[in-house]
Amino acid sequence: MSNKVFEIFTSVSHNIDDDLQSFTPLKNICDQYKIKPSYIFVAVIVLAIIFTMFGLFQHIFVTVFGMLYPAYMSFKVKCFDNEGDK
């Protein structure tokens, strides 16, 4: 059971690392401290969930994450559309 969980975590971590390679500020921080970008990403998400569960900054987190995902997907569609035009 634990091997299966580790394999799932490893594949998700690898996918997150691949997606975040082009984000230069995060890449610089990760290179400086010798950690993977997925570890920072997961830590930020976990902290946001914990703060939201306890009601700390709940409105801010819900608003920010409610705007980030649609914005990310719209940029992703725009980039995909531009690549298709070439």
PDB file of N, CA and C in Angstrom:
ATOM      1  N   MET A   1       0.822  -1.197   0.000  1.00  0.00           N
ATOM      2  CA  MET A   1       0.000   0.000   0.000  1.00  0.00           C
ATOM      3  C   MET A   1       0.865   1.261   0.000  1.00  0.00           C
ATOM      4  N   SER A   2       1.907   1.283   0.843  1.00  0.00           N
ATOM      5  CA  SER A   2       2.743   2.483   0.917  1.00  0.00           C
ATOM      6  C   SER A   2       3.550   2.690  -0.362  1.00  0.00           C
ATOM      7  N   ASN A   3       3.924   1.584  -1.037  1.00  0.00           N
ATOM      8  CA  ASN A   3       4.626   1.724  -2.313  1.00  0.00           C
ATOM      9  C   ASN A   3       3.733   2.385  -3.345  1.00  0.00           C
ATOM     10  N   LYS A   4       2.467   2.030  -3.373  1.00  0.00           N
ATOM     11  CA  LYS A   4       1.517   2.601  -4.326  1.00  0.00           C
ATOM     12  C   LYS A   4       1.348   4.099  -4.060  1.00  0.00           C
ATOM     13  N   VAL A   5       1.224   4.479  -2.793  1.00  0.00           N
ATOM     14  CA  VAL A   5       1.093   5.895  -2.432  1.00  0.00           C
ATOM     15  C   VAL A   5       2.356   6.649  -2.822  1.00  0.00           C
ATOM     16  N   PHE A   6       3.520   6.068  -2.571  1.00  0.00           N
ATOM     17  CA  PHE A   6       4.788   6.704  -2.930  1.00  0.00           C
ATOM     18  C   PHE A   6       4.902   6.885  -4.441  1.00  0.00           C
ATOM     19  N   GLU A   7       4.477   5.882  -5.214  1.00  0.00           N
ATOM     20  CA  GLU A   7       4.519   5.995  -6.672  1.00  0.00           C
ATOM     21  C   GLU A   7       3.598   7.108  -7.167  1.00  0.00           C
ATOM     22  N   ILE A   8       2.415   7.205  -6.582  1.00  0.00           N
ATOM     23  CA  ILE A   8       1.473   8.258  -6.969  1.00  0.00           C
ATOM     24  C   ILE A   8       2.057   9.623  -6.629  1.00  0.00           C
ATOM     25  N   PHE A   9       2.602   9.769  -5.413  1.00  0.00           N
ATOM     26  CA  PHE A   9       3.205  11.040  -5.004  1.00  0.00           C
ATOM     27  C   PHE A   9       4.373  11.403  -5.914  1.00  0.00           C
ATOM     28  N   THR A  10       5.187  10.420  -6.275  1.00  0.00           N
ATOM     29  CA  THR A  10       6.339  10.674  -7.141  1.00  0.00           C
ATOM     30  C   THR A  10       5.900  11.140  -8.527  1.00  0.00           C
ATOM     31  N   SER A  11       4.877  10.512  -9.087  1.00  0.00           N
ATOM     32  CA  SER A  11       4.433  10.913 -10.421  1.00  0.00           C
ATOM     33  C   SER A  11       3.795  12.299 -10.394  1.00  0.00           C
ATOM     34  N   VAL A  12       3.016  12.603  -9.353  1.00  0.00           N
ATOM     35  CA  VAL A  12       2.417  13.932  -9.232  1.00  0.00           C
ATOM     36  C   VAL A  12       3.505  14.974  -9.023  1.00  0.00           C
ATOM     37  N   SER A  13       4.481  14.654  -8.189  1.00  0.00           N
ATOM     38  CA  SER A  13       5.600  15.567  -7.939  1.00  0.00           C
ATOM     39  C   SER A  13       6.371  15.848  -9.226  1.00  0.00           C
ATOM     40  N   HIS A  14       6.589  14.827 -10.017  1.00  0.00           N
ATOM     41  CA  HIS A  14       7.312  15.000 -11.293  1.00  0.00           C
ATOM     42  C   HIS A  14       6.515  15.892 -12.245  1.00  0.00           C
ATOM     43  N   ASN A  15       5.203  15.703 -12.305  1.00  0.00           N
ATOM     44  CA  ASN A  15       4.357  16.533 -13.168  1.00  0.00           C
ATOM     45  C   ASN A  15       4.366  17.991 -12.727  1.00  0.00           C
ATOM     46  N   ILE A  16       4.300  18.231 -11.421  1.00  0.00           N
ATOM     47  CA  ILE A  16       4.334  19.602 -10.900  1.00  0.00           C
ATOM     48  C   ILE A  16       5.683  20.235 -11.210  1.00  0.00           C
ATOM     49  N   ASP A  17       6.763  19.479 -11.028  1.00  0.00           N
ATOM     50  CA  ASP A  17       8.103  20.005 -11.338  1.00  0.00           C
ATOM     51  C   ASP A  17       8.221  20.390 -12.802  1.00  0.00           C
ATOM     52  N   ASP A  18       7.682  19.551 -13.681  1.00  0.00           N
ATOM     53  CA  ASP A  18       7.726  19.866 -15.114  1.00  0.00           C
ATOM     54  C   ASP A  18       6.947  21.134 -15.435  1.00  0.00           C
ATOM     55  N   ASP A  19       5.778  21.297 -14.810  1.00  0.00           N
ATOM     56  CA  ASP A  19       4.951  22.478 -15.066  1.00  0.00           C
ATOM     57  C   ASP A  19       5.581  23.762 -14.531  1.00  0.00           C
ATOM     58  N   LEU A  20       6.332  23.665 -13.437  1.00  0.00           N
ATOM     59  CA  LEU A  20       6.886  24.857 -12.798  1.00  0.00           C
ATOM     60  C   LEU A  20       8.309  25.192 -13.242  1.00  0.00           C
ATOM     61  N   GLN A  21       8.877  24.451 -14.173  1.00  0.00           N
ATOM     62  CA  GLN A  21      10.251  24.713 -14.615  1.00  0.00           C
ATOM     63  C   GLN A  21      10.413  26.073 -15.283  1.00  0.00           C
ATOM     64  N   SER A  22       9.359  26.569 -15.901  1.00  0.00           N
ATOM     65  CA  SER A  22       9.475  27.856 -16.595  1.00  0.00           C
ATOM     66  C   SER A  22       9.233  29.055 -15.683  1.00  0.00           C
ATOM     67  N   PHE A  23       8.850  28.806 -14.426  1.00  0.00           N
ATOM     68  CA  PHE A  23       8.601  29.889 -13.463  1.00  0.00           C
ATOM     69  C   PHE A  23       9.925  30.248 -12.796  1.00  0.00           C
ATOM     70  N   THR A  24      10.599  31.255 -13.345  1.00  0.00           N
ATOM     71  CA  THR A  24      11.977  31.592 -12.968  1.00  0.00           C
ATOM     72  C   THR A  24      12.169  31.939 -11.487  1.00  0.00           C
ATOM     73  N   PRO A  25      11.312  32.769 -10.848  1.00  0.00           N
ATOM     74  CA  PRO A  25      11.564  33.076  -9.434  1.00  0.00           C
ATOM     75  C   PRO A  25      11.557  31.834  -8.544  1.00  0.00           C
ATOM     76  N   LEU A  26      10.614  30.933  -8.784  1.00  0.00           N
ATOM     77  CA  LEU A  26      10.559  29.701  -7.997  1.00  0.00           C
ATOM     78  C   LEU A  26      11.755  28.815  -8.299  1.00  0.00           C
ATOM     79  N   LYS A  27      12.140  28.759  -9.553  1.00  0.00           N
ATOM     80  CA  LYS A  27      13.306  27.948  -9.941  1.00  0.00           C
ATOM     81  C   LYS A  27      14.577  28.462  -9.279  1.00  0.00           C
ATOM     82  N   ASN A  28      14.741  29.796  -9.187  1.00  0.00           N
ATOM     83  CA  ASN A  28      15.919  30.370  -8.528  1.00  0.00           C
ATOM     84  C   ASN A  28      15.949  30.010  -7.045  1.00  0.00           C
ATOM     85  N   ILE A  29      14.809  30.089  -6.392  1.00  0.00           N
ATOM     86  CA  ILE A  29      14.736  29.731  -4.966  1.00  0.00           C
ATOM     87  C   ILE A  29      15.064  28.256  -4.773  1.00  0.00           C
ATOM     88  N   CYS A  30      14.514  27.420  -5.637  1.00  0.00           N
ATOM     89  CA  CYS A  30      14.755  25.975  -5.529  1.00  0.00           C
ATOM     90  C   CYS A  30      16.215  25.628  -5.781  1.00  0.00           C
ATOM     91  N   ASP A  31      16.833  26.296  -6.729  1.00  0.00           N
ATOM     92  CA  ASP A  31      18.255  26.058  -6.992  1.00  0.00           C
ATOM     93  C   ASP A  31      19.119  26.516  -5.818  1.00  0.00           C
ATOM     94  N   GLN A  32      18.725  27.613  -5.200  1.00  0.00           N
ATOM     95  CA  GLN A  32      19.499  28.140  -4.079  1.00  0.00           C
ATOM     96  C   GLN A  32      19.438  27.203  -2.870  1.00  0.00           C
ATOM     97  N   TYR A  33      18.253  26.642  -2.578  1.00  0.00           N
ATOM     98  CA  TYR A  33      18.090  25.795  -1.398  1.00  0.00           C
ATOM     99  C   TYR A  33      18.124  24.303  -1.719  1.00  0.00           C
ATOM    100  N   LYS A  34      18.325  23.952  -2.980  1.00  0.00           N
ATOM    101  CA  LYS A  34      18.450  22.563  -3.422  1.00  0.00           C
ATOM    102  C   LYS A  34      17.226  21.719  -3.070  1.00  0.00           C
ATOM    103  N   ILE A  35      16.042  22.245  -3.398  1.00  0.00           N
ATOM    104  CA  ILE A  35      14.809  21.498  -3.217  1.00  0.00           C
ATOM    105  C   ILE A  35      14.010  21.525  -4.509  1.00  0.00           C
ATOM    106  N   LYS A  36      13.037  20.644  -4.594  1.00  0.00           N
ATOM    107  CA  LYS A  36      12.205  20.565  -5.790  1.00  0.00           C
ATOM    108  C   LYS A  36      11.086  21.601  -5.727  1.00  0.00           C
ATOM    109  N   PRO A  37      10.696  22.150  -6.878  1.00  0.00           N
ATOM    110  CA  PRO A  37       9.590  23.118  -6.895  1.00  0.00           C
ATOM    111  C   PRO A  37       8.277  22.533  -6.382  1.00  0.00           C
ATOM    112  N   SER A  38       8.077  21.250  -6.588  1.00  0.00           N
ATOM    113  CA  SER A  38       6.835  20.631  -6.138  1.00  0.00           C
ATOM    114  C   SER A  38       6.717  20.650  -4.619  1.00  0.00           C
ATOM    115  N   TYR A  39       7.828  20.586  -3.896  1.00  0.00           N
ATOM    116  CA  TYR A  39       7.785  20.618  -2.432  1.00  0.00           C
ATOM    117  C   TYR A  39       7.287  21.977  -1.941  1.00  0.00           C
ATOM    118  N   ILE A  40       7.764  23.047  -2.566  1.00  0.00           N
ATOM    119  CA  ILE A  40       7.303  24.384  -2.185  1.00  0.00           C
ATOM    120  C   ILE A  40       5.835  24.551  -2.550  1.00  0.00           C
ATOM    121  N   PHE A  41       5.458  24.098  -3.737  1.00  0.00           N
ATOM    122  CA  PHE A  41       4.072  24.204  -4.191  1.00  0.00           C
ATOM    123  C   PHE A  41       3.131  23.463  -3.243  1.00  0.00           C
ATOM    124  N   VAL A  42       3.479  22.233  -2.896  1.00  0.00           N
ATOM    125  CA  VAL A  42       2.628  21.444  -1.996  1.00  0.00           C
ATOM    126  C   VAL A  42       2.564  22.083  -0.616  1.00  0.00           C
ATOM    127  N   ALA A  43       3.683  22.609  -0.111  1.00  0.00           N
ATOM    128  CA  ALA A  43       3.690  23.255   1.200  1.00  0.00           C
ATOM    129  C   ALA A  43       2.779  24.485   1.216  1.00  0.00           C
ATOM    130  N   VAL A  44       2.810  25.271   0.163  1.00  0.00           N
ATOM    131  CA  VAL A  44       1.951  26.463   0.084  1.00  0.00           C
ATOM    132  C   VAL A  44       0.482  26.060   0.047  1.00  0.00           C
ATOM    133  N   ILE A  45       0.158  25.038  -0.723  1.00  0.00           N
ATOM    134  CA  ILE A  45      -1.226  24.571  -0.815  1.00  0.00           C
ATOM    135  C   ILE A  45      -1.701  24.015   0.525  1.00  0.00           C
ATOM    136  N   VAL A  46      -0.871  23.233   1.194  1.00  0.00           N
ATOM    137  CA  VAL A  46      -1.249  22.668   2.497  1.00  0.00           C
ATOM    138  C   VAL A  46      -1.458  23.781   3.520  1.00  0.00           C
ATOM    139  N   LEU A  47      -0.564  24.761   3.551  1.00  0.00           N
ATOM    140  CA  LEU A  47      -0.734  25.887   4.478  1.00  0.00           C
ATOM    141  C   LEU A  47      -2.009  26.665   4.178  1.00  0.00           C
ATOM    142  N   ALA A  48      -2.313  26.857   2.916  1.00  0.00           N
ATOM    143  CA  ALA A  48      -3.538  27.563   2.546  1.00  0.00           C
ATOM    144  C   ALA A  48      -4.770  26.789   3.003  1.00  0.00           C
ATOM    145  N   ILE A  49      -4.740  25.479   2.850  1.00  0.00           N
ATOM    146  CA  ILE A  49      -5.869  24.650   3.287  1.00  0.00           C
ATOM    147  C   ILE A  49      -6.018  24.702   4.801  1.00  0.00           C
ATOM    148  N   ILE A  50      -4.904  24.624   5.524  1.00  0.00           N
ATOM    149  CA  ILE A  50      -4.965  24.674   6.996  1.00  0.00           C
ATOM    150  C   ILE A  50      -5.490  26.026   7.465  1.00  0.00           C
ATOM    151  N   PHE A  51      -4.963  27.115   6.894  1.00  0.00           N
ATOM    152  CA  PHE A  51      -5.456  28.442   7.275  1.00  0.00           C
ATOM    153  C   PHE A  51      -6.933  28.597   6.965  1.00  0.00           C
ATOM    154  N   THR A  52      -7.366  28.060   5.831  1.00  0.00           N
ATOM    155  CA  THR A  52      -8.769  28.171   5.455  1.00  0.00           C
ATOM    156  C   THR A  52      -9.647  27.337   6.385  1.00  0.00           C
ATOM    157  N   MET A  53      -9.174  26.165   6.790  1.00  0.00           N
ATOM    158  CA  MET A  53      -9.952  25.308   7.693  1.00  0.00           C
ATOM    159  C   MET A  53     -10.150  25.974   9.047  1.00  0.00           C
ATOM    160  N   PHE A  54      -9.159  26.677   9.542  1.00  0.00           N
ATOM    161  CA  PHE A  54      -9.264  27.335  10.834  1.00  0.00           C
ATOM    162  C   PHE A  54      -9.850  28.735  10.746  1.00  0.00           C
ATOM    163  N   GLY A  55     -10.203  29.163   9.558  1.00  0.00           N
ATOM    164  CA  GLY A  55     -10.857  30.453   9.389  1.00  0.00           C
ATOM    165  C   GLY A  55      -9.915  31.635   9.324  1.00  0.00           C
ATOM    166  N   LEU A  56      -8.602  31.379   9.311  1.00  0.00           N
ATOM    167  CA  LEU A  56      -7.634  32.461   9.217  1.00  0.00           C
ATOM    168  C   LEU A  56      -7.472  32.849   7.758  1.00  0.00           C
ATOM    169  N   PHE A  57      -7.691  34.080   7.459  1.00  0.00           N
ATOM    170  CA  PHE A  57      -7.537  34.587   6.094  1.00  0.00           C
ATOM    171  C   PHE A  57      -8.422  33.845   5.084  1.00  0.00           C
ATOM    172  N   GLN A  58      -9.523  33.295   5.561  1.00  0.00           N
ATOM    173  CA  GLN A  58     -10.377  32.468   4.723  1.00  0.00           C
ATOM    174  C   GLN A  58     -10.862  33.216   3.478  1.00  0.00           C
ATOM    175  N   HIS A  59     -11.330  34.414   3.644  1.00  0.00           N
ATOM    176  CA  HIS A  59     -11.868  35.161   2.520  1.00  0.00           C
ATOM    177  C   HIS A  59     -10.786  35.464   1.488  1.00  0.00           C
ATOM    178  N   ILE A  60      -9.596  35.799   1.954  1.00  0.00           N
ATOM    179  CA  ILE A  60      -8.496  36.121   1.041  1.00  0.00           C
ATOM    180  C   ILE A  60      -8.085  34.897   0.223  1.00  0.00           C
ATOM    181  N   PHE A  61      -7.922  33.739   0.892  1.00  0.00           N
ATOM    182  CA  PHE A  61      -7.510  32.537   0.178  1.00  0.00           C
ATOM    183  C   PHE A  61      -8.548  32.092  -0.841  1.00  0.00           C
ATOM    184  N   VAL A  62      -9.792  32.121  -0.452  1.00  0.00           N
ATOM    185  CA  VAL A  62     -10.840  31.692  -1.376  1.00  0.00           C
ATOM    186  C   VAL A  62     -10.883  32.620  -2.586  1.00  0.00           C
ATOM    187  N   THR A  63     -10.740  33.909  -2.363  1.00  0.00           N
ATOM    188  CA  THR A  63     -10.758  34.862  -3.469  1.00  0.00           C
ATOM    189  C   THR A  63      -9.547  34.678  -4.378  1.00  0.00           C
ATOM    190  N   VAL A  64      -8.360  34.561  -3.800  1.00  0.00           N
ATOM    191  CA  VAL A  64      -7.138  34.429  -4.600  1.00  0.00           C
ATOM    192  C   VAL A  64      -7.155  33.134  -5.403  1.00  0.00           C
ATOM    193  N   PHE A  65      -7.433  32.008  -4.744  1.00  0.00           N
ATOM    194  CA  PHE A  65      -7.420  30.741  -5.464  1.00  0.00           C
ATOM    195  C   PHE A  65      -8.603  30.618  -6.415  1.00  0.00           C
ATOM    196  N   GLY A  66      -9.690  31.296  -6.119  1.00  0.00           N
ATOM    197  CA  GLY A  66     -10.821  31.314  -7.033  1.00  0.00           C
ATOM    198  C   GLY A  66     -10.513  32.081  -8.306  1.00  0.00           C
ATOM    199  N   MET A  67      -9.549  32.983  -8.243  1.00  0.00           N
ATOM    200  CA  MET A  67      -9.147  33.746  -9.427  1.00  0.00           C
ATOM    201  C   MET A  67      -7.953  33.103 -10.129  1.00  0.00           C
ATOM    202  N   LEU A  68      -7.051  32.452  -9.381  1.00  0.00           N
ATOM    203  CA  LEU A  68      -5.830  31.915  -9.970  1.00  0.00           C
ATOM    204  C   LEU A  68      -6.081  30.772 -10.948  1.00  0.00           C
ATOM    205  N   TYR A  69      -6.924  29.834 -10.572  1.00  0.00           N
ATOM    206  CA  TYR A  69      -7.135  28.675 -11.445  1.00  0.00           C
ATOM    207  C   TYR A  69      -7.760  29.072 -12.780  1.00  0.00           C
ATOM    208  N   PRO A  70      -8.836  29.855 -12.790  1.00  0.00           N
ATOM    209  CA  PRO A  70      -9.372  30.267 -14.096  1.00  0.00           C
ATOM    210  C   PRO A  70      -8.370  31.099 -14.915  1.00  0.00           C
ATOM    211  N   ALA A  71      -7.587  31.930 -14.238  1.00  0.00           N
ATOM    212  CA  ALA A  71      -6.586  32.720 -14.956  1.00  0.00           C
ATOM    213  C   ALA A  71      -5.517  31.810 -15.557  1.00  0.00           C
ATOM    214  N   TYR A  72      -5.064  30.839 -14.794  1.00  0.00           N
ATOM    215  CA  TYR A  72      -4.071  29.888 -15.286  1.00  0.00           C
ATOM    216  C   TYR A  72      -4.605  29.130 -16.496  1.00  0.00           C
ATOM    217  N   MET A  73      -5.842  28.658 -16.410  1.00  0.00           N
ATOM    218  CA  MET A  73      -6.411  27.903 -17.520  1.00  0.00           C
ATOM    219  C   MET A  73      -6.604  28.778 -18.752  1.00  0.00           C
ATOM    220  N   SER A  74      -6.950  30.051 -18.571  1.00  0.00           N
ATOM    221  CA  SER A  74      -7.118  30.918 -19.734  1.00  0.00           C
ATOM    222  C   SER A  74      -5.773  31.192 -20.404  1.00  0.00           C
ATOM    223  N   PHE A  75      -4.700  31.368 -19.620  1.00  0.00           N
ATOM    224  CA  PHE A  75      -3.366  31.538 -20.206  1.00  0.00           C
ATOM    225  C   PHE A  75      -2.925  30.259 -20.915  1.00  0.00           C
ATOM    226  N   LYS A  76      -3.262  29.120 -20.314  1.00  0.00           N
ATOM    227  CA  LYS A  76      -2.893  27.850 -20.915  1.00  0.00           C
ATOM    228  C   LYS A  76      -3.593  27.673 -22.262  1.00  0.00           C
ATOM    229  N   VAL A  77      -4.865  28.040 -22.337  1.00  0.00           N
ATOM    230  CA  VAL A  77      -5.600  27.954 -23.596  1.00  0.00           C
ATOM    231  C   VAL A  77      -5.023  28.935 -24.604  1.00  0.00           C
ATOM    232  N   LYS A  78      -4.685  30.142 -24.157  1.00  0.00           N
ATOM    233  CA  LYS A  78      -4.118  31.154 -25.051  1.00  0.00           C
ATOM    234  C   LYS A  78      -2.779  30.678 -25.611  1.00  0.00           C
ATOM    235  N   CYS A  79      -1.929  30.090 -24.768  1.00  0.00           N
ATOM    236  CA  CYS A  79      -0.636  29.585 -25.232  1.00  0.00           C
ATOM    237  C   CYS A  79      -0.839  28.434 -26.204  1.00  0.00           C
ATOM    238  N   PHE A  80      -1.789  27.557 -25.918  1.00  0.00           N
ATOM    239  CA  PHE A  80      -2.068  26.433 -26.803  1.00  0.00           C
ATOM    240  C   PHE A  80      -2.592  26.934 -28.136  1.00  0.00           C
ATOM    241  N   ASP A  81      -3.432  27.964 -28.098  1.00  0.00           N
ATOM    242  CA  ASP A  81      -3.983  28.543 -29.322  1.00  0.00           C
ATOM    243  C   ASP A  81      -2.876  29.160 -30.167  1.00  0.00           C
ATOM    244  N   ASN A  82      -1.926  29.851 -29.525  1.00  0.00           N
ATOM    245  CA  ASN A  82      -0.813  30.468 -30.267  1.00  0.00           C
ATOM    246  C   ASN A  82       0.093  29.426 -30.889  1.00  0.00           C
ATOM    247  N   GLU A  83       0.320  28.305 -30.215  1.00  0.00           N
ATOM    248  CA  GLU A  83       1.168  27.257 -30.763  1.00  0.00           C
ATOM    249  C   GLU A  83       0.495  26.596 -31.959  1.00  0.00           C
ATOM    250  N   GLY A  84      -0.816  26.522 -31.941  1.00  0.00           N
ATOM    251  CA  GLY A  84      -1.538  25.909 -33.047  1.00  0.00           C
ATOM    252  C   GLY A  84      -1.523  26.760 -34.305  1.00  0.00           C
ATOM    253  N   ASP A  85      -1.330  28.066 -34.158  1.00  0.00           N
ATOM    254  CA  ASP A  85      -1.322  28.968 -35.312  1.00  0.00           C
ATOM    255  C   ASP A  85      -0.032  28.884 -36.117  1.00  0.00           C
ATOM    256  N   LYS A  86       1.032  28.368 -35.534  1.00  0.00           N
ATOM    257  CA  LYS A  86       2.333  28.349 -36.215  1.00  0.00           C
ATOM    258  C   LYS A  86       2.392  27.352 -37.335  1.00  0.00           C
TER     259      LYS A  86
END
